[in-house]
Amino acid sequence: MDTNAVLDIGLAGLMVAGKISAPMLITALVVGFAISLLQSITQIQEVTLSFVPKAIAVAIALVICGHWMIQEMVSFTNALFEKIPSLLGGG
């Protein structure tokens, strides 16, 4: 197993992690920005007003995107298992 193979696996892992985490991160970003804008307009500085809607929105995004996320992880894992013989030099 050479250095390029390790770097390719690491890069693929980081790409999958980025794709999988994107729906939750973008949802939290959009909801957090909207709540922050609302708080700055109304001058209400309540911590739970920011946390609870973000938690609910991220949970909804997880329910909506969960099946796709699992499929991405399974396909990545299957691809890694298929690469094992070539990584060990067997073919």
PDB file of N, CA and C in Angstrom:
ATOM      1  N   MET A   1       0.861  -1.168   0.000  1.00  0.00           N
ATOM      2  CA  MET A   1       0.000   0.000   0.000  1.00  0.00           C
ATOM      3  C   MET A   1       0.903   1.226   0.000  1.00  0.00           C
ATOM      4  N   ASP A   2       0.747   2.063  -1.004  1.00  0.00           N
ATOM      5  CA  ASP A   2       1.623   3.217  -1.113  1.00  0.00           C
ATOM      6  C   ASP A   2       0.951   4.479  -0.567  1.00  0.00           C
ATOM      7  N   THR A   3       1.714   5.538  -0.567  1.00  0.00           N
ATOM      8  CA  THR A   3       1.253   6.803   0.002  1.00  0.00           C
ATOM      9  C   THR A   3       0.077   7.375  -0.778  1.00  0.00           C
ATOM     10  N   ASN A   4       0.087   7.226  -2.086  1.00  0.00           N
ATOM     11  CA  ASN A   4      -1.003   7.760  -2.901  1.00  0.00           C
ATOM     12  C   ASN A   4      -2.334   7.099  -2.576  1.00  0.00           C
ATOM     13  N   ALA A   5      -2.311   5.796  -2.323  1.00  0.00           N
ATOM     14  CA  ALA A   5      -3.540   5.085  -1.977  1.00  0.00           C
ATOM     15  C   ALA A   5      -4.099   5.587  -0.653  1.00  0.00           C
ATOM     16  N   VAL A   6      -3.220   5.802   0.302  1.00  0.00           N
ATOM     17  CA  VAL A   6      -3.659   6.305   1.604  1.00  0.00           C
ATOM     18  C   VAL A   6      -4.244   7.706   1.466  1.00  0.00           C
ATOM     19  N   LEU A   7      -3.585   8.542   0.673  1.00  0.00           N
ATOM     20  CA  LEU A   7      -4.092   9.897   0.464  1.00  0.00           C
ATOM     21  C   LEU A   7      -5.428   9.883  -0.279  1.00  0.00           C
ATOM     22  N   ASP A   8      -5.585   8.994  -1.243  1.00  0.00           N
ATOM     23  CA  ASP A   8      -6.851   8.889  -1.962  1.00  0.00           C
ATOM     24  C   ASP A   8      -7.988   8.451  -1.040  1.00  0.00           C
ATOM     25  N   ILE A   9      -7.714   7.480  -0.182  1.00  0.00           N
ATOM     26  CA  ILE A   9      -8.734   7.026   0.766  1.00  0.00           C
ATOM     27  C   ILE A   9      -9.083   8.134   1.750  1.00  0.00           C
ATOM     28  N   GLY A  10      -8.073   8.839   2.235  1.00  0.00           N
ATOM     29  CA  GLY A  10      -8.325   9.946   3.162  1.00  0.00           C
ATOM     30  C   GLY A  10      -9.119  11.065   2.519  1.00  0.00           C
ATOM     31  N   LEU A  11      -8.782  11.402   1.282  1.00  0.00           N
ATOM     32  CA  LEU A  11      -9.515  12.441   0.563  1.00  0.00           C
ATOM     33  C   LEU A  11     -10.955  12.029   0.308  1.00  0.00           C
ATOM     34  N   ALA A  12     -11.148  10.777  -0.084  1.00  0.00           N
ATOM     35  CA  ALA A  12     -12.515  10.289  -0.313  1.00  0.00           C
ATOM     36  C   ALA A  12     -13.321  10.300   0.986  1.00  0.00           C
ATOM     37  N   GLY A  13     -12.685   9.933   2.088  1.00  0.00           N
ATOM     38  CA  GLY A  13     -13.363   9.970   3.383  1.00  0.00           C
ATOM     39  C   GLY A  13     -13.767  11.378   3.785  1.00  0.00           C
ATOM     40  N   LEU A  14     -12.875  12.332   3.540  1.00  0.00           N
ATOM     41  CA  LEU A  14     -13.206  13.724   3.859  1.00  0.00           C
ATOM     42  C   LEU A  14     -14.321  14.255   2.969  1.00  0.00           C
ATOM     43  N   MET A  15     -14.317  13.863   1.706  1.00  0.00           N
ATOM     44  CA  MET A  15     -15.384  14.299   0.805  1.00  0.00           C
ATOM     45  C   MET A  15     -16.733  13.728   1.226  1.00  0.00           C
ATOM     46  N   VAL A  16     -16.763  12.464   1.612  1.00  0.00           N
ATOM     47  CA  VAL A  16     -18.010  11.857   2.070  1.00  0.00           C
ATOM     48  C   VAL A  16     -18.477  12.523   3.361  1.00  0.00           C
ATOM     49  N   ALA A  17     -17.548  12.793   4.275  1.00  0.00           N
ATOM     50  CA  ALA A  17     -17.915  13.470   5.523  1.00  0.00           C
ATOM     51  C   ALA A  17     -18.476  14.861   5.250  1.00  0.00           C
ATOM     52  N   GLY A  18     -17.895  15.570   4.288  1.00  0.00           N
ATOM     53  CA  GLY A  18     -18.411  16.890   3.933  1.00  0.00           C
ATOM     54  C   GLY A  18     -19.797  16.824   3.317  1.00  0.00           C
ATOM     55  N   LYS A  19     -20.005  15.836   2.418  1.00  0.00           N
ATOM     56  CA  LYS A  19     -21.319  15.685   1.794  1.00  0.00           C
ATOM     57  C   LYS A  19     -22.380  15.310   2.822  1.00  0.00           C
ATOM     58  N   ILE A  20     -22.019  14.452   3.751  1.00  0.00           N
ATOM     59  CA  ILE A  20     -22.991  13.981   4.734  1.00  0.00           C
ATOM     60  C   ILE A  20     -23.344  15.074   5.745  1.00  0.00           C
ATOM     61  N   SER A  21     -22.375  15.869   6.132  1.00  0.00           N
ATOM     62  CA  SER A  21     -22.642  16.887   7.144  1.00  0.00           C
ATOM     63  C   SER A  21     -23.250  18.165   6.573  1.00  0.00           C
ATOM     64  N   ALA A  22     -23.191  18.342   5.260  1.00  0.00           N
ATOM     65  CA  ALA A  22     -23.672  19.581   4.641  1.00  0.00           C
ATOM     66  C   ALA A  22     -25.144  19.899   4.913  1.00  0.00           C
ATOM     67  N   PRO A  23     -26.074  18.950   4.818  1.00  0.00           N
ATOM     68  CA  PRO A  23     -27.477  19.332   5.064  1.00  0.00           C
ATOM     69  C   PRO A  23     -27.722  19.889   6.464  1.00  0.00           C
ATOM     70  N   MET A  24     -27.123  19.265   7.479  1.00  0.00           N
ATOM     71  CA  MET A  24     -27.322  19.762   8.839  1.00  0.00           C
ATOM     72  C   MET A  24     -26.633  21.099   9.066  1.00  0.00           C
ATOM     73  N   LEU A  25     -25.416  21.232   8.543  1.00  0.00           N
ATOM     74  CA  LEU A  25     -24.685  22.484   8.750  1.00  0.00           C
ATOM     75  C   LEU A  25     -25.348  23.657   8.040  1.00  0.00           C
ATOM     76  N   ILE A  26     -25.804  23.434   6.812  1.00  0.00           N
ATOM     77  CA  ILE A  26     -26.456  24.512   6.080  1.00  0.00           C
ATOM     78  C   ILE A  26     -27.786  24.875   6.727  1.00  0.00           C
ATOM     79  N   THR A  27     -28.529  23.867   7.194  1.00  0.00           N
ATOM     80  CA  THR A  27     -29.793  24.139   7.884  1.00  0.00           C
ATOM     81  C   THR A  27     -29.554  24.950   9.151  1.00  0.00           C
ATOM     82  N   ALA A  28     -28.568  24.549   9.946  1.00  0.00           N
ATOM     83  CA  ALA A  28     -28.262  25.289  11.170  1.00  0.00           C
ATOM     84  C   ALA A  28     -27.795  26.706  10.860  1.00  0.00           C
ATOM     85  N   LEU A  29     -27.044  26.872   9.783  1.00  0.00           N
ATOM     86  CA  LEU A  29     -26.568  28.194   9.395  1.00  0.00           C
ATOM     87  C   LEU A  29     -27.721  29.103   8.998  1.00  0.00           C
ATOM     88  N   VAL A  30     -28.618  28.602   8.165  1.00  0.00           N
ATOM     89  CA  VAL A  30     -29.743  29.422   7.689  1.00  0.00           C
ATOM     90  C   VAL A  30     -30.692  29.766   8.837  1.00  0.00           C
ATOM     91  N   VAL A  31     -31.042  28.771   9.646  1.00  0.00           N
ATOM     92  CA  VAL A  31     -31.948  29.031  10.765  1.00  0.00           C
ATOM     93  C   VAL A  31     -31.287  29.943  11.794  1.00  0.00           C
ATOM     94  N   GLY A  32     -30.009  29.726  12.080  1.00  0.00           N
ATOM     95  CA  GLY A  32     -29.297  30.586  13.025  1.00  0.00           C
ATOM     96  C   GLY A  32     -29.219  32.025  12.544  1.00  0.00           C
ATOM     97  N   PHE A  33     -28.985  32.207  11.247  1.00  0.00           N
ATOM     98  CA  PHE A  33     -28.941  33.562  10.699  1.00  0.00           C
ATOM     99  C   PHE A  33     -30.307  34.236  10.787  1.00  0.00           C
ATOM    100  N   ALA A  34     -31.354  33.484  10.454  1.00  0.00           N
ATOM    101  CA  ALA A  34     -32.702  34.054  10.521  1.00  0.00           C
ATOM    102  C   ALA A  34     -33.077  34.424  11.951  1.00  0.00           C
ATOM    103  N   ILE A  35     -32.750  33.582  12.904  1.00  0.00           N
ATOM    104  CA  ILE A  35     -33.065  33.874  14.307  1.00  0.00           C
ATOM    105  C   ILE A  35     -32.217  35.045  14.803  1.00  0.00           C
ATOM    106  N   SER A  36     -30.965  35.105  14.415  1.00  0.00           N
ATOM    107  CA  SER A  36     -30.112  36.232  14.817  1.00  0.00           C
ATOM    108  C   SER A  36     -30.631  37.548  14.246  1.00  0.00           C
ATOM    109  N   LEU A  37     -31.089  37.496  13.014  1.00  0.00           N
ATOM    110  CA  LEU A  37     -31.677  38.681  12.402  1.00  0.00           C
ATOM    111  C   LEU A  37     -32.937  39.102  13.143  1.00  0.00           C
ATOM    112  N   LEU A  38     -33.767  38.144  13.480  1.00  0.00           N
ATOM    113  CA  LEU A  38     -34.982  38.434  14.252  1.00  0.00           C
ATOM    114  C   LEU A  38     -34.638  39.000  15.623  1.00  0.00           C
ATOM    115  N   GLN A  39     -33.624  38.436  16.274  1.00  0.00           N
ATOM    116  CA  GLN A  39     -33.221  38.933  17.587  1.00  0.00           C
ATOM    117  C   GLN A  39     -32.657  40.341  17.503  1.00  0.00           C
ATOM    118  N   SER A  40     -31.910  40.636  16.467  1.00  0.00           N
ATOM    119  CA  SER A  40     -31.351  41.987  16.359  1.00  0.00           C
ATOM    120  C   SER A  40     -32.427  43.006  16.015  1.00  0.00           C
ATOM    121  N   ILE A  41     -33.456  42.594  15.281  1.00  0.00           N
ATOM    122  CA  ILE A  41     -34.549  43.517  14.960  1.00  0.00           C
ATOM    123  C   ILE A  41     -35.391  43.796  16.190  1.00  0.00           C
ATOM    124  N   THR A  42     -35.729  42.745  16.936  1.00  0.00           N
ATOM    125  CA  THR A  42     -36.617  42.907  18.095  1.00  0.00           C
ATOM    126  C   THR A  42     -35.863  43.176  19.390  1.00  0.00           C
ATOM    127  N   GLN A  43     -34.561  43.060  19.396  1.00  0.00           N
ATOM    128  CA  GLN A  43     -33.705  43.258  20.570  1.00  0.00           C
ATOM    129  C   GLN A  43     -34.054  42.308  21.710  1.00  0.00           C
ATOM    130  N   ILE A  44     -34.484  41.108  21.362  1.00  0.00           N
ATOM    131  CA  ILE A  44     -34.726  40.059  22.351  1.00  0.00           C
ATOM    132  C   ILE A  44     -33.488  39.172  22.363  1.00  0.00           C
ATOM    133  N   GLN A  45     -32.808  39.092  23.483  1.00  0.00           N
ATOM    134  CA  GLN A  45     -31.566  38.322  23.568  1.00  0.00           C
ATOM    135  C   GLN A  45     -31.760  37.106  24.470  1.00  0.00           C
ATOM    136  N   GLU A  46     -32.611  36.198  24.054  1.00  0.00           N
ATOM    137  CA  GLU A  46     -32.870  34.975  24.802  1.00  0.00           C
ATOM    138  C   GLU A  46     -32.103  33.827  24.144  1.00  0.00           C
ATOM    139  N   VAL A  47     -31.355  33.072  24.937  1.00  0.00           N
ATOM    140  CA  VAL A  47     -30.506  32.007  24.408  1.00  0.00           C
ATOM    141  C   VAL A  47     -31.347  30.876  23.820  1.00  0.00           C
ATOM    142  N   THR A  48     -32.419  30.501  24.502  1.00  0.00           N
ATOM    143  CA  THR A  48     -33.242  29.392  24.011  1.00  0.00           C
ATOM    144  C   THR A  48     -33.954  29.748  22.716  1.00  0.00           C
ATOM    145  N   LEU A  49     -34.179  31.035  22.472  1.00  0.00           N
ATOM    146  CA  LEU A  49     -34.798  31.454  21.224  1.00  0.00           C
ATOM    147  C   LEU A  49     -33.894  31.113  20.047  1.00  0.00           C
ATOM    148  N   SER A  50     -32.603  31.054  20.262  1.00  0.00           N
ATOM    149  CA  SER A  50     -31.660  30.706  19.210  1.00  0.00           C
ATOM    150  C   SER A  50     -31.449  29.195  19.122  1.00  0.00           C
ATOM    151  N   PHE A  51     -31.404  28.520  20.258  1.00  0.00           N
ATOM    152  CA  PHE A  51     -31.029  27.105  20.272  1.00  0.00           C
ATOM    153  C   PHE A  51     -32.156  26.182  19.837  1.00  0.00           C
ATOM    154  N   VAL A  52     -33.331  26.380  20.370  1.00  0.00           N
ATOM    155  CA  VAL A  52     -34.436  25.446  20.130  1.00  0.00           C
ATOM    156  C   VAL A  52     -34.833  25.372  18.657  1.00  0.00           C
ATOM    157  N   PRO A  53     -35.026  26.498  17.949  1.00  0.00           N
ATOM    158  CA  PRO A  53     -35.367  26.365  16.525  1.00  0.00           C
ATOM    159  C   PRO A  53     -34.265  25.701  15.696  1.00  0.00           C
ATOM    160  N   LYS A  54     -33.002  25.964  16.045  1.00  0.00           N
ATOM    161  CA  LYS A  54     -31.905  25.312  15.322  1.00  0.00           C
ATOM    162  C   LYS A  54     -31.926  23.807  15.559  1.00  0.00           C
ATOM    163  N   ALA A  55     -32.156  23.400  16.798  1.00  0.00           N
ATOM    164  CA  ALA A  55     -32.190  21.968  17.112  1.00  0.00           C
ATOM    165  C   ALA A  55     -33.345  21.283  16.386  1.00  0.00           C
ATOM    166  N   ILE A  56     -34.494  21.932  16.343  1.00  0.00           N
ATOM    167  CA  ILE A  56     -35.646  21.357  15.652  1.00  0.00           C
ATOM    168  C   ILE A  56     -35.387  21.277  14.146  1.00  0.00           C
ATOM    169  N   ALA A  57     -34.824  22.333  13.576  1.00  0.00           N
ATOM    170  CA  ALA A  57     -34.554  22.348  12.132  1.00  0.00           C
ATOM    171  C   ALA A  57     -33.517  21.300  11.755  1.00  0.00           C
ATOM    172  N   VAL A  58     -32.492  21.129  12.567  1.00  0.00           N
ATOM    173  CA  VAL A  58     -31.469  20.115  12.282  1.00  0.00           C
ATOM    174  C   VAL A  58     -32.070  18.716  12.419  1.00  0.00           C
ATOM    175  N   ALA A  59     -32.945  18.517  13.384  1.00  0.00           N
ATOM    176  CA  ALA A  59     -33.610  17.217  13.527  1.00  0.00           C
ATOM    177  C   ALA A  59     -34.476  16.915  12.306  1.00  0.00           C
ATOM    178  N   ILE A  60     -35.177  17.917  11.795  1.00  0.00           N
ATOM    179  CA  ILE A  60     -35.999  17.728  10.594  1.00  0.00           C
ATOM    180  C   ILE A  60     -35.106  17.424   9.389  1.00  0.00           C
ATOM    181  N   ALA A  61     -33.995  18.135   9.273  1.00  0.00           N
ATOM    182  CA  ALA A  61     -33.065  17.868   8.173  1.00  0.00           C
ATOM    183  C   ALA A  61     -32.489  16.456   8.277  1.00  0.00           C
ATOM    184  N   LEU A  62     -32.246  15.999   9.489  1.00  0.00           N
ATOM    185  CA  LEU A  62     -31.732  14.646   9.682  1.00  0.00           C
ATOM    186  C   LEU A  62     -32.766  13.609   9.283  1.00  0.00           C
ATOM    187  N   VAL A  63     -34.030  13.856   9.619  1.00  0.00           N
ATOM    188  CA  VAL A  63     -35.090  12.925   9.233  1.00  0.00           C
ATOM    189  C   VAL A  63     -35.244  12.891   7.716  1.00  0.00           C
ATOM    190  N   ILE A  64     -35.177  14.055   7.086  1.00  0.00           N
ATOM    191  CA  ILE A  64     -35.356  14.122   5.641  1.00  0.00           C
ATOM    192  C   ILE A  64     -34.159  13.506   4.900  1.00  0.00           C
ATOM    193  N   CYS A  65     -32.948  13.805   5.334  1.00  0.00           N
ATOM    194  CA  CYS A  65     -31.743  13.377   4.618  1.00  0.00           C
ATOM    195  C   CYS A  65     -31.107  12.110   5.177  1.00  0.00           C
ATOM    196  N   GLY A  66     -31.670  11.538   6.228  1.00  0.00           N
ATOM    197  CA  GLY A  66     -31.042  10.395   6.887  1.00  0.00           C
ATOM    198  C   GLY A  66     -30.842   9.194   5.989  1.00  0.00           C
ATOM    199  N   HIS A  67     -31.834   8.866   5.199  1.00  0.00           N
ATOM    200  CA  HIS A  67     -31.735   7.705   4.313  1.00  0.00           C
ATOM    201  C   HIS A  67     -30.620   7.900   3.283  1.00  0.00           C
ATOM    202  N   TRP A  68     -30.552   9.093   2.716  1.00  0.00           N
ATOM    203  CA  TRP A  68     -29.499   9.395   1.743  1.00  0.00           C
ATOM    204  C   TRP A  68     -28.126   9.320   2.399  1.00  0.00           C
ATOM    205  N   MET A  69     -28.015   9.811   3.638  1.00  0.00           N
ATOM    206  CA  MET A  69     -26.732   9.794   4.344  1.00  0.00           C
ATOM    207  C   MET A  69     -26.264   8.363   4.579  1.00  0.00           C
ATOM    208  N   ILE A  70     -27.190   7.498   4.972  1.00  0.00           N
ATOM    209  CA  ILE A  70     -26.830   6.096   5.195  1.00  0.00           C
ATOM    210  C   ILE A  70     -26.403   5.438   3.888  1.00  0.00           C
ATOM    211  N   GLN A  71     -27.117   5.743   2.790  1.00  0.00           N
ATOM    212  CA  GLN A  71     -26.731   5.181   1.498  1.00  0.00           C
ATOM    213  C   GLN A  71     -25.332   5.628   1.094  1.00  0.00           C
ATOM    214  N   GLU A  72     -24.996   6.880   1.335  1.00  0.00           N
ATOM    215  CA  GLU A  72     -23.656   7.375   0.996  1.00  0.00           C
ATOM    216  C   GLU A  72     -22.589   6.650   1.812  1.00  0.00           C
ATOM    217  N   MET A  73     -22.836   6.466   3.098  1.00  0.00           N
ATOM    218  CA  MET A  73     -21.856   5.771   3.938  1.00  0.00           C
ATOM    219  C   MET A  73     -21.710   4.311   3.542  1.00  0.00           C
ATOM    220  N   VAL A  74     -22.809   3.657   3.223  1.00  0.00           N
ATOM    221  CA  VAL A  74     -22.744   2.251   2.815  1.00  0.00           C
ATOM    222  C   VAL A  74     -21.995   2.108   1.494  1.00  0.00           C
ATOM    223  N   SER A  75     -22.263   2.998   0.539  1.00  0.00           N
ATOM    224  CA  SER A  75     -21.557   2.895  -0.736  1.00  0.00           C
ATOM    225  C   SER A  75     -20.062   3.193  -0.573  1.00  0.00           C
ATOM    226  N   PHE A  76     -19.717   4.136   0.302  1.00  0.00           N
ATOM    227  CA  PHE A  76     -18.301   4.419   0.562  1.00  0.00           C
ATOM    228  C   PHE A  76     -17.624   3.211   1.213  1.00  0.00           C
ATOM    229  N   THR A  77     -18.305   2.605   2.170  1.00  0.00           N
ATOM    230  CA  THR A  77     -17.744   1.436   2.846  1.00  0.00           C
ATOM    231  C   THR A  77     -17.595   0.267   1.882  1.00  0.00           C
ATOM    232  N   ASN A  78     -18.590   0.044   1.033  1.00  0.00           N
ATOM    233  CA  ASN A  78     -18.483  -1.026   0.029  1.00  0.00           C
ATOM    234  C   ASN A  78     -17.328  -0.768  -0.930  1.00  0.00           C
ATOM    235  N   ALA A  79     -17.144   0.486  -1.325  1.00  0.00           N
ATOM    236  CA  ALA A  79     -16.028   0.817  -2.210  1.00  0.00           C
ATOM    237  C   ALA A  79     -14.689   0.539  -1.526  1.00  0.00           C
ATOM    238  N   LEU A  80     -14.602   0.837  -0.241  1.00  0.00           N
ATOM    239  CA  LEU A  80     -13.364   0.536   0.489  1.00  0.00           C
ATOM    240  C   LEU A  80     -13.109  -0.962   0.569  1.00  0.00           C
ATOM    241  N   PHE A  81     -14.166  -1.733   0.845  1.00  0.00           N
ATOM    242  CA  PHE A  81     -14.003  -3.187   0.906  1.00  0.00           C
ATOM    243  C   PHE A  81     -13.602  -3.763  -0.450  1.00  0.00           C
ATOM    244  N   GLU A  82     -14.109  -3.191  -1.540  1.00  0.00           N
ATOM    245  CA  GLU A  82     -13.743  -3.671  -2.868  1.00  0.00           C
ATOM    246  C   GLU A  82     -12.295  -3.331  -3.214  1.00  0.00           C
ATOM    247  N   LYS A  83     -11.746  -2.286  -2.597  1.00  0.00           N
ATOM    248  CA  LYS A  83     -10.365  -1.881  -2.865  1.00  0.00           C
ATOM    249  C   LYS A  83      -9.331  -2.700  -2.086  1.00  0.00           C
ATOM    250  N   ILE A  84      -9.762  -3.454  -1.118  1.00  0.00           N
ATOM    251  CA  ILE A  84      -8.811  -4.172  -0.244  1.00  0.00           C
ATOM    252  C   ILE A  84      -7.849  -5.060  -1.029  1.00  0.00           C
ATOM    253  N   PRO A  85      -8.327  -5.889  -1.969  1.00  0.00           N
ATOM    254  CA  PRO A  85      -7.352  -6.740  -2.699  1.00  0.00           C
ATOM    255  C   PRO A  85      -6.310  -5.922  -3.471  1.00  0.00           C
ATOM    256  N   SER A  86      -6.747  -4.840  -4.109  1.00  0.00           N
ATOM    257  CA  SER A  86      -5.765  -4.044  -4.868  1.00  0.00           C
ATOM    258  C   SER A  86      -4.820  -3.302  -3.942  1.00  0.00           C
ATOM    259  N   LEU A  87      -5.286  -2.936  -2.759  1.00  0.00           N
ATOM    260  CA  LEU A  87      -4.399  -2.248  -1.811  1.00  0.00           C
ATOM    261  C   LEU A  87      -3.355  -3.181  -1.239  1.00  0.00           C
ATOM    262  N   LEU A  88      -3.696  -4.441  -1.111  1.00  0.00           N
ATOM    263  CA  LEU A  88      -2.748  -5.410  -0.576  1.00  0.00           C
ATOM    264  C   LEU A  88      -1.817  -5.972  -1.645  1.00  0.00           C
ATOM    265  N   GLY A  89      -2.037  -5.559  -2.903  1.00  0.00           N
ATOM    266  CA  GLY A  89      -1.161  -5.992  -3.977  1.00  0.00           C
ATOM    267  C   GLY A  89      -1.605  -7.253  -4.671  1.00  0.00           C
ATOM    268  N   GLY A  90      -2.815  -7.710  -4.392  1.00  0.00           N
ATOM    269  CA  GLY A  90      -3.287  -8.944  -4.996  1.00  0.00           C
ATOM    270  C   GLY A  90      -3.934  -8.775  -6.344  1.00  0.00           C
ATOM    271  N   GLY A  91      -4.156  -7.571  -6.788  1.00  0.00           N
ATOM    272  CA  GLY A  91      -4.793  -7.467  -8.090  1.00  0.00           C
ATOM    273  C   GLY A  91      -5.244  -6.117  -8.305  1.00  0.00           C
TER     274      GLY A  91
END
